[in-house]
């Protein structure tokens, strides 16, 4: 009986997670399409693209990996990483605001940052290993 109850609860959780993932990914795709359509229509510029996400993920993960020394305490490394990310985010917001409008930049910035940081989650350890190989 406990096995059947566990299977029922587990299958309900899997269904809930799959449904939530499907609904959220559909809403995210709709938001990205809306921001790109607005930028293309009024400014002839697409603020969200795969190339921008790839470049931003490399930038967001390469700067802390190569510029911040691993000899520092963890708190200092985290603080410097967040400071570098804040500077990059301010620069990205300024760039988007200059290319489009303030409203489009405010809509596109969280989507770009979320995609870049999520796409680069595996780049952090990879770039740290690359740094150990190159620098020593």
N, C-alpha and C. Protein backbone atom coordinates (compact mmCIF):
# COMPACT_ATOMS: atom_id res chain seq x y z
N UNK A 1 0.82 -1.19 0.00
CA UNK A 1 0.00 0.00 0.00
C UNK A 1 0.87 1.27 0.00
N UNK A 2 1.94 1.25 0.81
CA UNK A 2 2.82 2.42 0.86
C UNK A 2 3.51 2.64 -0.48
N UNK A 3 3.82 1.56 -1.19
CA UNK A 3 4.47 1.69 -2.49
C UNK A 3 3.52 2.35 -3.48
N UNK A 4 2.25 1.93 -3.48
CA UNK A 4 1.27 2.52 -4.38
C UNK A 4 1.04 3.99 -4.05
N UNK A 5 0.97 4.31 -2.80
CA UNK A 5 0.80 5.70 -2.39
C UNK A 5 2.01 6.53 -2.81
N UNK A 6 3.21 5.99 -2.65
CA UNK A 6 4.42 6.68 -3.07
C UNK A 6 4.46 6.88 -4.57
N UNK A 7 4.02 5.86 -5.34
CA UNK A 7 3.96 6.00 -6.80
C UNK A 7 2.95 7.06 -7.21
N UNK A 8 1.82 7.10 -6.54
CA UNK A 8 0.80 8.10 -6.86
C UNK A 8 1.30 9.51 -6.57
N UNK A 9 1.87 9.72 -5.41
CA UNK A 9 2.39 11.04 -5.05
C UNK A 9 3.55 11.43 -5.97
N UNK A 10 4.43 10.48 -6.28
CA UNK A 10 5.55 10.76 -7.18
C UNK A 10 5.09 11.11 -8.57
N UNK A 11 4.10 10.38 -9.08
CA UNK A 11 3.60 10.69 -10.42
C UNK A 11 2.89 12.03 -10.45
N UNK A 12 2.19 12.38 -9.39
CA UNK A 12 1.55 13.69 -9.32
C UNK A 12 2.60 14.81 -9.29
N UNK A 13 3.68 14.61 -8.56
CA UNK A 13 4.75 15.61 -8.53
C UNK A 13 5.41 15.77 -9.89
N UNK A 14 5.66 14.64 -10.57
CA UNK A 14 6.27 14.71 -11.90
C UNK A 14 5.34 15.43 -12.87
N UNK A 15 4.03 15.12 -12.80
CA UNK A 15 3.07 15.80 -13.66
C UNK A 15 3.03 17.30 -13.36
N UNK A 16 3.05 17.67 -12.10
CA UNK A 16 3.02 19.08 -11.71
C UNK A 16 4.27 19.80 -12.21
N UNK A 17 5.43 19.19 -12.05
CA UNK A 17 6.67 19.82 -12.53
C UNK A 17 6.68 19.95 -14.04
N UNK A 18 6.24 18.91 -14.75
CA UNK A 18 6.23 18.96 -16.21
C UNK A 18 5.25 20.02 -16.71
N UNK A 19 4.07 20.07 -16.11
CA UNK A 19 3.08 21.06 -16.52
C UNK A 19 3.58 22.48 -16.25
N UNK A 20 4.16 22.69 -15.07
CA UNK A 20 4.69 24.01 -14.73
C UNK A 20 5.80 24.41 -15.68
N UNK A 21 6.69 23.48 -15.99
CA UNK A 21 7.78 23.76 -16.92
C UNK A 21 7.23 24.11 -18.29
N UNK A 22 6.23 23.37 -18.76
CA UNK A 22 5.64 23.65 -20.06
C UNK A 22 4.99 25.02 -20.10
N UNK A 23 4.22 25.34 -19.08
CA UNK A 23 3.51 26.63 -19.04
C UNK A 23 4.52 27.78 -18.93
N UNK A 24 5.51 27.64 -18.05
CA UNK A 24 6.49 28.72 -17.88
C UNK A 24 7.34 28.90 -19.12
N UNK A 25 7.74 27.82 -19.77
CA UNK A 25 8.55 27.97 -20.97
C UNK A 25 7.75 28.61 -22.10
N UNK A 26 6.45 28.30 -22.17
CA UNK A 26 5.61 28.92 -23.19
C UNK A 26 5.45 30.42 -22.92
N UNK A 27 5.24 30.79 -21.66
CA UNK A 27 5.12 32.21 -21.32
C UNK A 27 6.44 32.94 -21.56
N UNK A 28 7.54 32.29 -21.26
CA UNK A 28 8.85 32.91 -21.49
C UNK A 28 9.09 33.12 -22.98
N UNK A 29 8.73 32.14 -23.80
CA UNK A 29 8.88 32.28 -25.25
C UNK A 29 8.01 33.42 -25.77
N UNK A 30 6.80 33.54 -25.22
CA UNK A 30 5.92 34.63 -25.65
C UNK A 30 6.49 35.99 -25.27
N UNK A 31 7.07 36.11 -24.08
CA UNK A 31 7.67 37.39 -23.66
C UNK A 31 8.87 37.74 -24.53
N UNK A 32 9.71 36.75 -24.85
CA UNK A 32 10.87 36.99 -25.70
C UNK A 32 10.42 37.42 -27.08
N UNK A 33 9.43 36.75 -27.63
CA UNK A 33 8.92 37.12 -28.95
C UNK A 33 8.33 38.52 -28.94
N UNK A 34 7.62 38.88 -27.86
CA UNK A 34 7.02 40.22 -27.78
C UNK A 34 8.10 41.30 -27.70
N UNK A 35 9.14 41.08 -26.89
CA UNK A 35 10.21 42.08 -26.77
C UNK A 35 10.96 42.21 -28.09
N UNK A 36 11.25 41.09 -28.74
CA UNK A 36 11.95 41.16 -30.03
C UNK A 36 11.10 41.82 -31.10
N UNK A 37 9.79 41.53 -31.12
CA UNK A 37 8.91 42.15 -32.11
C UNK A 37 8.82 43.66 -31.89
N UNK A 38 8.72 44.07 -30.64
CA UNK A 38 8.66 45.51 -30.34
C UNK A 38 9.97 46.20 -30.74
N UNK A 39 11.10 45.60 -30.41
CA UNK A 39 12.38 46.20 -30.78
C UNK A 39 12.59 46.25 -32.28
N UNK A 40 12.17 45.19 -32.96
CA UNK A 40 12.33 45.16 -34.42
C UNK A 40 11.42 46.16 -35.10
N UNK A 41 10.19 46.29 -34.60
CA UNK A 41 9.23 47.18 -35.24
C UNK A 41 9.61 48.65 -35.07
N UNK A 42 10.01 49.04 -33.88
CA UNK A 42 10.25 50.46 -33.63
C UNK A 42 11.71 50.88 -33.76
N UNK A 43 12.65 49.97 -33.56
CA UNK A 43 14.06 50.36 -33.52
C UNK A 43 14.93 49.58 -34.49
N UNK A 44 14.36 48.64 -35.23
CA UNK A 44 15.09 47.78 -36.16
C UNK A 44 16.26 47.08 -35.46
N UNK A 45 15.99 46.58 -34.28
CA UNK A 45 17.01 45.93 -33.46
C UNK A 45 16.35 44.88 -32.59
N UNK A 46 16.89 43.66 -32.61
CA UNK A 46 16.38 42.59 -31.75
C UNK A 46 17.23 42.54 -30.48
N UNK A 47 16.66 42.89 -29.34
CA UNK A 47 17.46 42.90 -28.11
C UNK A 47 17.82 41.51 -27.59
N UNK A 48 17.04 40.49 -27.95
CA UNK A 48 17.29 39.15 -27.43
C UNK A 48 17.64 38.20 -28.58
N UNK A 49 18.83 37.66 -28.56
CA UNK A 49 19.23 36.67 -29.56
C UNK A 49 20.18 35.67 -28.92
N UNK A 50 20.35 34.55 -29.58
CA UNK A 50 21.21 33.50 -29.04
C UNK A 50 22.67 33.95 -29.01
N UNK A 51 23.08 34.75 -29.97
CA UNK A 51 24.47 35.23 -29.99
C UNK A 51 24.75 36.16 -28.81
N UNK A 52 23.80 37.02 -28.48
CA UNK A 52 23.97 37.91 -27.32
C UNK A 52 24.04 37.10 -26.02
N UNK A 53 23.19 36.09 -25.91
CA UNK A 53 23.20 35.26 -24.70
C UNK A 53 24.52 34.51 -24.57
N UNK A 54 25.02 33.97 -25.68
CA UNK A 54 26.30 33.24 -25.63
C UNK A 54 27.45 34.18 -25.27
N UNK A 55 27.48 35.35 -25.87
CA UNK A 55 28.53 36.31 -25.56
C UNK A 55 28.46 36.79 -24.12
N UNK A 56 27.26 37.07 -23.65
CA UNK A 56 27.10 37.52 -22.27
C UNK A 56 27.46 36.43 -21.27
N UNK A 57 27.11 35.19 -21.57
CA UNK A 57 27.47 34.12 -20.64
C UNK A 57 28.97 33.94 -20.57
N UNK A 58 29.65 34.06 -21.70
CA UNK A 58 31.12 34.00 -21.66
C UNK A 58 31.68 35.17 -20.87
N UNK A 59 31.14 36.35 -21.08
CA UNK A 59 31.62 37.54 -20.38
C UNK A 59 31.34 37.45 -18.88
N UNK A 60 30.13 37.04 -18.52
CA UNK A 60 29.75 36.98 -17.11
C UNK A 60 30.52 35.92 -16.34
N UNK A 61 30.97 34.87 -17.02
CA UNK A 61 31.69 33.82 -16.30
C UNK A 61 33.19 33.88 -16.50
N UNK A 62 33.67 34.50 -17.57
CA UNK A 62 35.11 34.58 -17.81
C UNK A 62 35.76 35.65 -16.94
N UNK A 63 35.09 36.76 -16.73
CA UNK A 63 35.69 37.84 -15.94
C UNK A 63 35.97 37.39 -14.50
N UNK A 64 35.00 36.78 -13.80
CA UNK A 64 35.35 36.33 -12.44
C UNK A 64 36.36 35.18 -12.44
N UNK A 65 36.33 34.34 -13.47
CA UNK A 65 37.24 33.20 -13.48
C UNK A 65 38.68 33.61 -13.71
N UNK A 66 38.90 34.61 -14.55
CA UNK A 66 40.26 34.98 -14.91
C UNK A 66 40.80 36.18 -14.13
N UNK A 67 39.95 37.08 -13.69
CA UNK A 67 40.44 38.29 -13.03
C UNK A 67 40.48 38.20 -11.51
N UNK A 68 39.68 37.32 -10.93
CA UNK A 68 39.64 37.23 -9.48
C UNK A 68 40.50 36.05 -9.04
N UNK A 69 41.42 36.33 -8.18
CA UNK A 69 42.38 35.31 -7.73
C UNK A 69 41.70 34.26 -6.85
N UNK A 70 42.00 32.98 -7.07
CA UNK A 70 41.41 31.96 -6.20
C UNK A 70 42.04 31.93 -4.81
N UNK A 71 43.10 32.70 -4.59
CA UNK A 71 43.73 32.75 -3.27
C UNK A 71 42.94 33.61 -2.29
N UNK A 72 42.02 34.41 -2.78
CA UNK A 72 41.20 35.25 -1.90
C UNK A 72 40.20 34.40 -1.12
N UNK A 73 39.74 34.96 -0.01
CA UNK A 73 38.68 34.29 0.74
C UNK A 73 37.42 34.21 -0.11
N UNK A 74 36.60 33.22 0.17
CA UNK A 74 35.38 32.99 -0.60
C UNK A 74 34.46 34.21 -0.57
N UNK A 75 34.36 34.87 0.58
CA UNK A 75 33.49 36.04 0.68
C UNK A 75 33.95 37.15 -0.24
N UNK A 76 35.26 37.36 -0.32
CA UNK A 76 35.79 38.40 -1.20
C UNK A 76 35.58 38.04 -2.67
N UNK A 77 35.77 36.78 -3.00
CA UNK A 77 35.55 36.36 -4.39
C UNK A 77 34.09 36.53 -4.79
N UNK A 78 33.17 36.15 -3.90
CA UNK A 78 31.75 36.34 -4.20
C UNK A 78 31.39 37.81 -4.32
N UNK A 79 31.92 38.62 -3.42
CA UNK A 79 31.66 40.06 -3.49
C UNK A 79 32.20 40.69 -4.76
N UNK A 80 33.42 40.32 -5.14
CA UNK A 80 34.00 40.85 -6.37
C UNK A 80 33.27 40.35 -7.62
N UNK A 81 32.81 39.10 -7.57
CA UNK A 81 32.02 38.57 -8.69
C UNK A 81 30.72 39.35 -8.84
N UNK A 82 30.04 39.58 -7.73
CA UNK A 82 28.79 40.35 -7.80
C UNK A 82 29.03 41.78 -8.23
N UNK A 83 30.14 42.35 -7.81
CA UNK A 83 30.48 43.71 -8.24
C UNK A 83 30.77 43.75 -9.74
N UNK A 84 31.49 42.76 -10.24
CA UNK A 84 31.76 42.70 -11.68
C UNK A 84 30.47 42.50 -12.46
N UNK A 85 29.59 41.62 -11.96
CA UNK A 85 28.31 41.40 -12.64
C UNK A 85 27.45 42.66 -12.61
N UNK A 86 27.49 43.40 -11.53
CA UNK A 86 26.71 44.64 -11.46
C UNK A 86 27.23 45.66 -12.47
N UNK A 87 28.54 45.76 -12.59
CA UNK A 87 29.11 46.66 -13.59
C UNK A 87 28.75 46.25 -15.01
N UNK A 88 28.83 44.97 -15.30
CA UNK A 88 28.44 44.49 -16.62
C UNK A 88 26.96 44.71 -16.89
N UNK A 89 26.14 44.53 -15.87
CA UNK A 89 24.70 44.75 -16.02
C UNK A 89 24.39 46.22 -16.28
N UNK A 90 25.07 47.10 -15.59
CA UNK A 90 24.86 48.53 -15.83
C UNK A 90 25.29 48.90 -17.25
N UNK A 91 26.39 48.36 -17.71
CA UNK A 91 26.83 48.61 -19.08
C UNK A 91 25.87 48.05 -20.10
N UNK A 92 25.34 46.87 -19.84
CA UNK A 92 24.36 46.26 -20.76
C UNK A 92 23.07 47.07 -20.78
N UNK A 93 22.62 47.53 -19.63
CA UNK A 93 21.40 48.35 -19.59
C UNK A 93 21.61 49.65 -20.37
N UNK A 94 22.76 50.27 -20.18
CA UNK A 94 23.05 51.51 -20.91
C UNK A 94 23.07 51.26 -22.41
N UNK A 95 23.69 50.14 -22.83
CA UNK A 95 23.74 49.81 -24.25
C UNK A 95 22.34 49.58 -24.81
N UNK A 96 21.53 48.80 -24.10
CA UNK A 96 20.17 48.53 -24.57
C UNK A 96 19.33 49.79 -24.60
N UNK A 97 19.53 50.65 -23.61
CA UNK A 97 18.77 51.90 -23.58
C UNK A 97 19.16 52.81 -24.73
N UNK A 98 20.42 52.81 -25.11
CA UNK A 98 20.86 53.64 -26.24
C UNK A 98 20.35 53.09 -27.56
N UNK A 99 20.29 51.75 -27.68
CA UNK A 99 19.84 51.13 -28.93
C UNK A 99 18.32 51.14 -29.08
N UNK A 100 17.60 51.01 -27.96
CA UNK A 100 16.14 50.96 -28.00
C UNK A 100 15.60 52.04 -27.07
N UNK A 101 14.56 51.74 -26.35
CA UNK A 101 14.00 52.70 -25.39
C UNK A 101 14.23 52.20 -23.98
N UNK A 102 13.90 53.03 -23.02
CA UNK A 102 14.05 52.65 -21.62
C UNK A 102 13.13 51.49 -21.27
N UNK A 103 11.91 51.52 -21.78
CA UNK A 103 10.95 50.46 -21.49
C UNK A 103 11.40 49.13 -22.09
N UNK A 104 11.88 49.14 -23.32
CA UNK A 104 12.34 47.90 -23.94
C UNK A 104 13.57 47.37 -23.23
N UNK A 105 14.45 48.25 -22.80
CA UNK A 105 15.63 47.82 -22.07
C UNK A 105 15.25 47.19 -20.73
N UNK A 106 14.27 47.76 -20.07
CA UNK A 106 13.81 47.20 -18.79
C UNK A 106 13.14 45.84 -18.97
N UNK A 107 12.50 45.63 -20.11
CA UNK A 107 11.87 44.34 -20.36
C UNK A 107 12.89 43.30 -20.81
N UNK A 108 13.88 43.71 -21.57
CA UNK A 108 14.84 42.76 -22.13
C UNK A 108 15.95 42.39 -21.15
N UNK A 109 16.31 43.29 -20.26
CA UNK A 109 17.46 43.05 -19.38
C UNK A 109 17.31 41.82 -18.48
N UNK A 110 16.20 41.63 -17.76
CA UNK A 110 16.11 40.42 -16.93
C UNK A 110 16.12 39.13 -17.73
N UNK A 111 15.52 39.17 -18.92
CA UNK A 111 15.52 37.98 -19.76
C UNK A 111 16.93 37.65 -20.24
N UNK A 112 17.66 38.68 -20.66
CA UNK A 112 19.04 38.46 -21.11
C UNK A 112 19.93 37.97 -19.97
N UNK A 113 19.82 38.59 -18.83
CA UNK A 113 20.66 38.21 -17.69
C UNK A 113 20.35 36.80 -17.21
N UNK A 114 19.09 36.48 -17.10
CA UNK A 114 18.71 35.14 -16.67
C UNK A 114 19.21 34.07 -17.63
N UNK A 115 19.06 34.33 -18.92
CA UNK A 115 19.52 33.35 -19.91
C UNK A 115 21.04 33.25 -19.92
N UNK A 116 21.74 34.37 -19.78
CA UNK A 116 23.20 34.35 -19.82
C UNK A 116 23.78 33.65 -18.60
N UNK A 117 23.23 33.91 -17.43
CA UNK A 117 23.77 33.28 -16.22
C UNK A 117 23.40 31.80 -16.18
N UNK A 118 22.19 31.46 -16.61
CA UNK A 118 21.81 30.05 -16.63
C UNK A 118 22.59 29.28 -17.69
N UNK A 119 22.83 29.90 -18.84
CA UNK A 119 23.59 29.21 -19.90
C UNK A 119 25.05 29.04 -19.50
N UNK A 120 25.53 29.91 -18.65
CA UNK A 120 26.93 29.83 -18.27
C UNK A 120 27.21 29.13 -16.97
N UNK A 121 26.21 28.47 -16.38
CA UNK A 121 26.44 27.80 -15.10
C UNK A 121 27.53 26.74 -15.19
N UNK A 122 27.62 26.06 -16.30
CA UNK A 122 28.67 25.06 -16.48
C UNK A 122 29.99 25.69 -16.91
N UNK A 123 29.94 26.94 -17.35
CA UNK A 123 31.18 27.60 -17.78
C UNK A 123 32.08 27.99 -16.62
N UNK A 124 31.51 28.25 -15.47
CA UNK A 124 32.31 28.65 -14.31
C UNK A 124 33.37 27.64 -13.95
N UNK A 125 33.00 26.39 -13.67
CA UNK A 125 34.03 25.38 -13.37
C UNK A 125 34.95 25.09 -14.55
N UNK A 126 34.40 25.14 -15.76
CA UNK A 126 35.23 24.90 -16.95
C UNK A 126 36.28 25.99 -17.12
N UNK A 127 35.89 27.23 -16.94
CA UNK A 127 36.85 28.33 -17.06
C UNK A 127 37.84 28.34 -15.90
N UNK A 128 37.41 27.92 -14.73
CA UNK A 128 38.36 27.82 -13.60
C UNK A 128 39.41 26.75 -13.89
N UNK A 129 38.99 25.62 -14.46
CA UNK A 129 39.95 24.58 -14.83
C UNK A 129 40.89 25.06 -15.93
N UNK A 130 40.35 25.81 -16.89
CA UNK A 130 41.17 26.37 -17.96
C UNK A 130 42.18 27.36 -17.40
N UNK A 131 41.77 28.13 -16.42
CA UNK A 131 42.70 29.07 -15.80
C UNK A 131 43.83 28.33 -15.10
N UNK A 132 43.51 27.24 -14.39
CA UNK A 132 44.56 26.47 -13.73
C UNK A 132 45.53 25.88 -14.74
N UNK A 133 45.03 25.48 -15.91
CA UNK A 133 45.90 24.93 -16.93
C UNK A 133 46.81 26.01 -17.54
N UNK A 134 46.22 27.18 -17.81
CA UNK A 134 46.99 28.24 -18.49
C UNK A 134 47.93 28.98 -17.56
N UNK A 135 47.42 29.36 -16.40
CA UNK A 135 48.20 30.22 -15.51
C UNK A 135 49.04 29.37 -14.54
N UNK A 136 48.53 28.27 -14.15
CA UNK A 136 49.34 27.42 -13.30
C UNK A 136 48.67 27.22 -12.04
